[in-house]
Amino acid sequence: MDNYTKKLLEETAEKIYMKELRRMIWKEWTRPGLKGNDHLVLIGMASHFGLTEFARELKANLDQMCSIKNECMDEA
């Protein structure tokens, strides 16, 4: 296998992995009964695994949920 094909396969695998990771985090995020600290853990996971933009989206979503519920979390 030439280097170009190998690199292309690695990049494709990484994109698939990141997409699947994002899907799994979002599935957990929308699970009923999730508490505030659980949300923070998921934000941390997204950030840790390189999904920084997704982590920002999750944080904005959490901020919006807190303002709708008229609650604030000290950790967030």
PDB file of N, CA and C in Angstrom:
ATOM      1  N   MET A   1       0.859  -1.165   0.000  1.00  0.00           N
ATOM      2  CA  MET A   1       0.000   0.000   0.000  1.00  0.00           C
ATOM      3  C   MET A   1       0.914   1.239   0.000  1.00  0.00           C
ATOM      4  N   ASP A   2       0.625   2.175  -0.882  1.00  0.00           N
ATOM      5  CA  ASP A   2       1.465   3.370  -0.943  1.00  0.00           C
ATOM      6  C   ASP A   2       1.134   4.329   0.202  1.00  0.00           C
ATOM      7  N   ASN A   3       2.023   5.271   0.430  1.00  0.00           N
ATOM      8  CA  ASN A   3       1.871   6.203   1.559  1.00  0.00           C
ATOM      9  C   ASN A   3       0.620   7.061   1.446  1.00  0.00           C
ATOM     10  N   TYR A   4       0.278   7.476   0.222  1.00  0.00           N
ATOM     11  CA  TYR A   4      -0.916   8.306   0.029  1.00  0.00           C
ATOM     12  C   TYR A   4      -2.172   7.555   0.453  1.00  0.00           C
ATOM     13  N   THR A   5      -2.306   6.327   0.001  1.00  0.00           N
ATOM     14  CA  THR A   5      -3.472   5.512   0.343  1.00  0.00           C
ATOM     15  C   THR A   5      -3.528   5.247   1.839  1.00  0.00           C
ATOM     16  N   LYS A   6      -2.378   4.952   2.416  1.00  0.00           N
ATOM     17  CA  LYS A   6      -2.320   4.705   3.857  1.00  0.00           C
ATOM     18  C   LYS A   6      -2.764   5.938   4.638  1.00  0.00           C
ATOM     19  N   LYS A   7      -2.261   7.108   4.247  1.00  0.00           N
ATOM     20  CA  LYS A   7      -2.631   8.351   4.928  1.00  0.00           C
ATOM     21  C   LYS A   7      -4.121   8.639   4.755  1.00  0.00           C
ATOM     22  N   LEU A   8      -4.643   8.419   3.555  1.00  0.00           N
ATOM     23  CA  LEU A   8      -6.061   8.637   3.286  1.00  0.00           C
ATOM     24  C   LEU A   8      -6.929   7.719   4.146  1.00  0.00           C
ATOM     25  N   LEU A   9      -6.538   6.467   4.280  1.00  0.00           N
ATOM     26  CA  LEU A   9      -7.273   5.523   5.121  1.00  0.00           C
ATOM     27  C   LEU A   9      -7.237   5.940   6.590  1.00  0.00           C
ATOM     28  N   GLU A  10      -6.084   6.399   7.065  1.00  0.00           N
ATOM     29  CA  GLU A  10      -5.968   6.853   8.454  1.00  0.00           C
ATOM     30  C   GLU A  10      -6.856   8.066   8.713  1.00  0.00           C
ATOM     31  N   GLU A  11      -6.861   9.023   7.781  1.00  0.00           N
ATOM     32  CA  GLU A  11      -7.690  10.215   7.938  1.00  0.00           C
ATOM     33  C   GLU A  11      -9.173   9.859   7.926  1.00  0.00           C
ATOM     34  N   THR A  12      -9.552   8.943   7.045  1.00  0.00           N
ATOM     35  CA  THR A  12     -10.947   8.514   6.969  1.00  0.00           C
ATOM     36  C   THR A  12     -11.360   7.804   8.253  1.00  0.00           C
ATOM     37  N   ALA A  13     -10.501   6.940   8.760  1.00  0.00           N
ATOM     38  CA  ALA A  13     -10.800   6.232  10.009  1.00  0.00           C
ATOM     39  C   ALA A  13     -10.948   7.218  11.162  1.00  0.00           C
ATOM     40  N   GLU A  14     -10.085   8.234  11.207  1.00  0.00           N
ATOM     41  CA  GLU A  14     -10.171   9.225  12.280  1.00  0.00           C
ATOM     42  C   GLU A  14     -11.476  10.016  12.193  1.00  0.00           C
ATOM     43  N   LYS A  15     -11.894  10.373  10.985  1.00  0.00           N
ATOM     44  CA  LYS A  15     -13.157  11.107  10.814  1.00  0.00           C
ATOM     45  C   LYS A  15     -14.341  10.260  11.279  1.00  0.00           C
ATOM     46  N   ILE A  16     -14.319   8.986  10.916  1.00  0.00           N
ATOM     47  CA  ILE A  16     -15.397   8.084  11.331  1.00  0.00           C
ATOM     48  C   ILE A  16     -15.408   7.943  12.845  1.00  0.00           C
ATOM     49  N   TYR A  17     -14.226   7.796  13.443  1.00  0.00           N
ATOM     50  CA  TYR A  17     -14.107   7.670  14.897  1.00  0.00           C
ATOM     51  C   TYR A  17     -14.663   8.908  15.592  1.00  0.00           C
ATOM     52  N   MET A  18     -14.273  10.098  15.115  1.00  0.00           N
ATOM     53  CA  MET A  18     -14.727  11.343  15.741  1.00  0.00           C
ATOM     54  C   MET A  18     -16.239  11.508  15.592  1.00  0.00           C
ATOM     55  N   LYS A  19     -16.761  11.150  14.432  1.00  0.00           N
ATOM     56  CA  LYS A  19     -18.201  11.253  14.205  1.00  0.00           C
ATOM     57  C   LYS A  19     -18.953  10.313  15.148  1.00  0.00           C
ATOM     58  N   GLU A  20     -18.453   9.101  15.301  1.00  0.00           N
ATOM     59  CA  GLU A  20     -19.090   8.125  16.190  1.00  0.00           C
ATOM     60  C   GLU A  20     -18.980   8.562  17.649  1.00  0.00           C
ATOM     61  N   LEU A  21     -17.829   9.087  18.034  1.00  0.00           N
ATOM     62  CA  LEU A  21     -17.643   9.579  19.395  1.00  0.00           C
ATOM     63  C   LEU A  21     -18.616  10.713  19.693  1.00  0.00           C
ATOM     64  N   ARG A  22     -18.754  11.628  18.750  1.00  0.00           N
ATOM     65  CA  ARG A  22     -19.688  12.744  18.910  1.00  0.00           C
ATOM     66  C   ARG A  22     -21.125  12.225  19.060  1.00  0.00           C
ATOM     67  N   ARG A  23     -21.478  11.238  18.235  1.00  0.00           N
ATOM     68  CA  ARG A  23     -22.826  10.658  18.295  1.00  0.00           C
ATOM     69  C   ARG A  23     -23.078  10.012  19.656  1.00  0.00           C
ATOM     70  N   MET A  24     -22.090   9.293  20.167  1.00  0.00           N
ATOM     71  CA  MET A  24     -22.242   8.622  21.459  1.00  0.00           C
ATOM     72  C   MET A  24     -22.377   9.635  22.602  1.00  0.00           C
ATOM     73  N   ILE A  25     -21.581  10.704  22.553  1.00  0.00           N
ATOM     74  CA  ILE A  25     -21.673  11.732  23.594  1.00  0.00           C
ATOM     75  C   ILE A  25     -23.035  12.407  23.538  1.00  0.00           C
ATOM     76  N   TRP A  26     -23.515  12.725  22.334  1.00  0.00           N
ATOM     77  CA  TRP A  26     -24.817  13.380  22.209  1.00  0.00           C
ATOM     78  C   TRP A  26     -25.938  12.461  22.696  1.00  0.00           C
ATOM     79  N   LYS A  27     -25.839  11.168  22.397  1.00  0.00           N
ATOM     80  CA  LYS A  27     -26.849  10.205  22.858  1.00  0.00           C
ATOM     81  C   LYS A  27     -26.906  10.204  24.383  1.00  0.00           C
ATOM     82  N   GLU A  28     -25.749  10.223  25.017  1.00  0.00           N
ATOM     83  CA  GLU A  28     -25.694  10.257  26.481  1.00  0.00           C
ATOM     84  C   GLU A  28     -26.209  11.601  27.004  1.00  0.00           C
ATOM     85  N   TRP A  29     -25.869  12.692  26.306  1.00  0.00           N
ATOM     86  CA  TRP A  29     -26.271  14.049  26.701  1.00  0.00           C
ATOM     87  C   TRP A  29     -27.798  14.166  26.758  1.00  0.00           C
ATOM     88  N   THR A  30     -28.483  13.537  25.819  1.00  0.00           N
ATOM     89  CA  THR A  30     -29.940  13.659  25.716  1.00  0.00           C
ATOM     90  C   THR A  30     -30.680  12.590  26.515  1.00  0.00           C
ATOM     91  N   ARG A  31     -29.946  11.761  27.232  1.00  0.00           N
ATOM     92  CA  ARG A  31     -30.573  10.709  28.040  1.00  0.00           C
ATOM     93  C   ARG A  31     -31.349  11.348  29.188  1.00  0.00           C
ATOM     94  N   PRO A  32     -32.600  10.925  29.405  1.00  0.00           N
ATOM     95  CA  PRO A  32     -33.382  11.475  30.519  1.00  0.00           C
ATOM     96  C   PRO A  32     -32.720  11.180  31.864  1.00  0.00           C
ATOM     97  N   GLY A  33     -32.831  12.125  32.775  1.00  0.00           N
ATOM     98  CA  GLY A  33     -32.323  11.929  34.124  1.00  0.00           C
ATOM     99  C   GLY A  33     -30.868  12.296  34.319  1.00  0.00           C
ATOM    100  N   LEU A  34     -30.245  12.852  33.312  1.00  0.00           N
ATOM    101  CA  LEU A  34     -28.846  13.253  33.441  1.00  0.00           C
ATOM    102  C   LEU A  34     -28.749  14.459  34.364  1.00  0.00           C
ATOM    103  N   LYS A  35     -27.797  14.451  35.262  1.00  0.00           N
ATOM    104  CA  LYS A  35     -27.613  15.537  36.236  1.00  0.00           C
ATOM    105  C   LYS A  35     -26.520  16.488  35.756  1.00  0.00           C
ATOM    106  N   GLY A  36     -26.418  17.633  36.420  1.00  0.00           N
ATOM    107  CA  GLY A  36     -25.474  18.678  36.033  1.00  0.00           C
ATOM    108  C   GLY A  36     -24.037  18.228  35.933  1.00  0.00           C
ATOM    109  N   ASN A  37     -23.568  17.479  36.922  1.00  0.00           N
ATOM    110  CA  ASN A  37     -22.181  17.017  36.886  1.00  0.00           C
ATOM    111  C   ASN A  37     -21.935  16.060  35.731  1.00  0.00           C
ATOM    112  N   ASP A  38     -22.945  15.279  35.372  1.00  0.00           N
ATOM    113  CA  ASP A  38     -22.823  14.380  34.228  1.00  0.00           C
ATOM    114  C   ASP A  38     -22.590  15.184  32.951  1.00  0.00           C
ATOM    115  N   HIS A  39     -23.303  16.298  32.830  1.00  0.00           N
ATOM    116  CA  HIS A  39     -23.111  17.161  31.670  1.00  0.00           C
ATOM    117  C   HIS A  39     -21.673  17.672  31.612  1.00  0.00           C
ATOM    118  N   LEU A  40     -21.143  18.055  32.766  1.00  0.00           N
ATOM    119  CA  LEU A  40     -19.770  18.567  32.807  1.00  0.00           C
ATOM    120  C   LEU A  40     -18.763  17.491  32.407  1.00  0.00           C
ATOM    121  N   VAL A  41     -19.012  16.263  32.813  1.00  0.00           N
ATOM    122  CA  VAL A  41     -18.131  15.157  32.432  1.00  0.00           C
ATOM    123  C   VAL A  41     -18.158  14.965  30.916  1.00  0.00           C
ATOM    124  N   LEU A  42     -19.332  15.029  30.321  1.00  0.00           N
ATOM    125  CA  LEU A  42     -19.445  14.861  28.872  1.00  0.00           C
ATOM    126  C   LEU A  42     -18.751  15.998  28.125  1.00  0.00           C
ATOM    127  N   ILE A  43     -18.862  17.222  28.637  1.00  0.00           N
ATOM    128  CA  ILE A  43     -18.152  18.353  28.031  1.00  0.00           C
ATOM    129  C   ILE A  43     -16.645  18.100  28.103  1.00  0.00           C
ATOM    130  N   GLY A  44     -16.186  17.635  29.251  1.00  0.00           N
ATOM    131  CA  GLY A  44     -14.770  17.324  29.417  1.00  0.00           C
ATOM    132  C   GLY A  44     -14.303  16.221  28.490  1.00  0.00           C
ATOM    133  N   MET A  45     -15.124  15.206  28.310  1.00  0.00           N
ATOM    134  CA  MET A  45     -14.770  14.110  27.402  1.00  0.00           C
ATOM    135  C   MET A  45     -14.634  14.614  25.974  1.00  0.00           C
ATOM    136  N   ALA A  46     -15.612  15.415  25.545  1.00  0.00           N
ATOM    137  CA  ALA A  46     -15.568  15.948  24.182  1.00  0.00           C
ATOM    138  C   ALA A  46     -14.299  16.764  23.969  1.00  0.00           C
ATOM    139  N   SER A  47     -13.980  17.588  24.925  1.00  0.00           N
ATOM    140  CA  SER A  47     -12.782  18.418  24.827  1.00  0.00           C
ATOM    141  C   SER A  47     -11.515  17.561  24.844  1.00  0.00           C
ATOM    142  N   HIS A  48     -11.464  16.598  25.727  1.00  0.00           N
ATOM    143  CA  HIS A  48     -10.289  15.729  25.864  1.00  0.00           C
ATOM    144  C   HIS A  48      -9.989  14.963  24.578  1.00  0.00           C
ATOM    145  N   PHE A  49     -11.023  14.510  23.906  1.00  0.00           N
ATOM    146  CA  PHE A  49     -10.829  13.713  22.700  1.00  0.00           C
ATOM    147  C   PHE A  49     -10.744  14.552  21.431  1.00  0.00           C
ATOM    148  N   GLY A  50     -10.579  15.864  21.582  1.00  0.00           N
ATOM    149  CA  GLY A  50     -10.334  16.716  20.420  1.00  0.00           C
ATOM    150  C   GLY A  50     -11.566  17.305  19.770  1.00  0.00           C
ATOM    151  N   LEU A  51     -12.714  17.138  20.379  1.00  0.00           N
ATOM    152  CA  LEU A  51     -13.946  17.708  19.834  1.00  0.00           C
ATOM    153  C   LEU A  51     -14.220  19.061  20.504  1.00  0.00           C
ATOM    154  N   THR A  52     -13.285  19.991  20.363  1.00  0.00           N
ATOM    155  CA  THR A  52     -13.379  21.252  21.108  1.00  0.00           C
ATOM    156  C   THR A  52     -14.575  22.094  20.683  1.00  0.00           C
ATOM    157  N   GLU A  53     -14.867  22.137  19.399  1.00  0.00           N
ATOM    158  CA  GLU A  53     -16.025  22.919  18.940  1.00  0.00           C
ATOM    159  C   GLU A  53     -17.317  22.292  19.466  1.00  0.00           C
ATOM    160  N   PHE A  54     -17.389  20.976  19.444  1.00  0.00           N
ATOM    161  CA  PHE A  54     -18.557  20.276  19.979  1.00  0.00           C
ATOM    162  C   PHE A  54     -18.682  20.529  21.479  1.00  0.00           C
ATOM    163  N   ALA A  55     -17.555  20.554  22.187  1.00  0.00           N
ATOM    164  CA  ALA A  55     -17.569  20.848  23.629  1.00  0.00           C
ATOM    165  C   ALA A  55     -18.127  22.246  23.882  1.00  0.00           C
ATOM    166  N   ARG A  56     -17.763  23.199  23.033  1.00  0.00           N
ATOM    167  CA  ARG A  56     -18.311  24.562  23.164  1.00  0.00           C
ATOM    168  C   ARG A  56     -19.820  24.570  22.940  1.00  0.00           C
ATOM    169  N   GLU A  57     -20.269  23.796  21.952  1.00  0.00           N
ATOM    170  CA  GLU A  57     -21.708  23.699  21.687  1.00  0.00           C
ATOM    171  C   GLU A  57     -22.435  23.097  22.893  1.00  0.00           C
ATOM    172  N   LEU A  58     -21.855  22.065  23.480  1.00  0.00           N
ATOM    173  CA  LEU A  58     -22.460  21.439  24.656  1.00  0.00           C
ATOM    174  C   LEU A  58     -22.518  22.418  25.822  1.00  0.00           C
ATOM    175  N   LYS A  59     -21.443  23.184  26.023  1.00  0.00           N
ATOM    176  CA  LYS A  59     -21.401  24.167  27.108  1.00  0.00           C
ATOM    177  C   LYS A  59     -22.475  25.225  26.894  1.00  0.00           C
ATOM    178  N   ALA A  60     -22.638  25.704  25.666  1.00  0.00           N
ATOM    179  CA  ALA A  60     -23.681  26.686  25.361  1.00  0.00           C
ATOM    180  C   ALA A  60     -25.059  26.087  25.618  1.00  0.00           C
ATOM    181  N   ASN A  61     -25.227  24.817  25.250  1.00  0.00           N
ATOM    182  CA  ASN A  61     -26.491  24.129  25.493  1.00  0.00           C
ATOM    183  C   ASN A  61     -26.764  24.023  26.983  1.00  0.00           C
ATOM    184  N   LEU A  62     -25.736  23.709  27.768  1.00  0.00           N
ATOM    185  CA  LEU A  62     -25.881  23.604  29.218  1.00  0.00           C
ATOM    186  C   LEU A  62     -26.236  24.962  29.821  1.00  0.00           C
ATOM    187  N   ASP A  63     -25.563  26.019  29.363  1.00  0.00           N
ATOM    188  CA  ASP A  63     -25.869  27.366  29.849  1.00  0.00           C
ATOM    189  C   ASP A  63     -27.318  27.731  29.560  1.00  0.00           C
ATOM    190  N   GLN A  64     -27.787  27.373  28.376  1.00  0.00           N
ATOM    191  CA  GLN A  64     -29.171  27.661  27.998  1.00  0.00           C
ATOM    192  C   GLN A  64     -30.141  26.864  28.871  1.00  0.00           C
ATOM    193  N   MET A  65     -29.839  25.600  29.118  1.00  0.00           N
ATOM    194  CA  MET A  65     -30.709  24.786  29.973  1.00  0.00           C
ATOM    195  C   MET A  65     -30.772  25.368  31.377  1.00  0.00           C
ATOM    196  N   CYS A  66     -29.631  25.834  31.895  1.00  0.00           N
ATOM    197  CA  CYS A  66     -29.594  26.417  33.238  1.00  0.00           C
ATOM    198  C   CYS A  66     -30.439  27.681  33.305  1.00  0.00           C
ATOM    199  N   SER A  67     -30.380  28.501  32.268  1.00  0.00           N
ATOM    200  CA  SER A  67     -31.142  29.746  32.292  1.00  0.00           C
ATOM    201  C   SER A  67     -32.637  29.486  32.138  1.00  0.00           C
ATOM    202  N   ILE A  68     -33.001  28.473  31.376  1.00  0.00           N
ATOM    203  CA  ILE A  68     -34.417  28.125  31.216  1.00  0.00           C
ATOM    204  C   ILE A  68     -34.978  27.595  32.529  1.00  0.00           C
ATOM    205  N   LYS A  69     -34.204  26.754  33.206  1.00  0.00           N
ATOM    206  CA  LYS A  69     -34.645  26.193  34.485  1.00  0.00           C
ATOM    207  C   LYS A  69     -34.473  27.190  35.618  1.00  0.00           C
ATOM    208  N   ASN A  70     -33.863  28.334  35.292  1.00  0.00           N
ATOM    209  CA  ASN A  70     -33.599  29.377  36.286  1.00  0.00           C
ATOM    210  C   ASN A  70     -32.706  28.847  37.402  1.00  0.00           C
ATOM    211  N   GLU A  71     -31.771  28.018  37.022  1.00  0.00           N
ATOM    212  CA  GLU A  71     -30.814  27.447  37.963  1.00  0.00           C
ATOM    213  C   GLU A  71     -29.416  27.688  37.420  1.00  0.00           C
ATOM    214  N   CYS A  72     -28.486  27.840  38.310  1.00  0.00           N
ATOM    215  CA  CYS A  72     -27.088  27.947  37.893  1.00  0.00           C
ATOM    216  C   CYS A  72     -26.293  26.898  38.633  1.00  0.00           C
ATOM    217  N   MET A  73     -25.293  26.401  37.963  1.00  0.00           N
ATOM    218  CA  MET A  73     -24.421  25.427  38.602  1.00  0.00           C
ATOM    219  C   MET A  73     -23.078  26.094  38.820  1.00  0.00           C
ATOM    220  N   ASP A  74     -22.551  25.997  39.996  1.00  0.00           N
ATOM    221  CA  ASP A  74     -21.269  26.613  40.309  1.00  0.00           C
ATOM    222  C   ASP A  74     -20.146  26.015  39.471  1.00  0.00           C
ATOM    223  N   GLU A  75     -20.227  24.704  39.182  1.00  0.00           N
ATOM    224  CA  GLU A  75     -19.156  24.040  38.453  1.00  0.00           C
ATOM    225  C   GLU A  75     -19.093  24.503  37.006  1.00  0.00           C
ATOM    226  N   ALA A  76     -20.238  24.843  36.417  1.00  0.00           N
ATOM    227  CA  ALA A  76     -20.267  25.228  35.007  1.00  0.00           C
ATOM    228  C   ALA A  76     -19.799  26.633  34.909  1.00  0.00           C
TER     229      ALA A  76
END
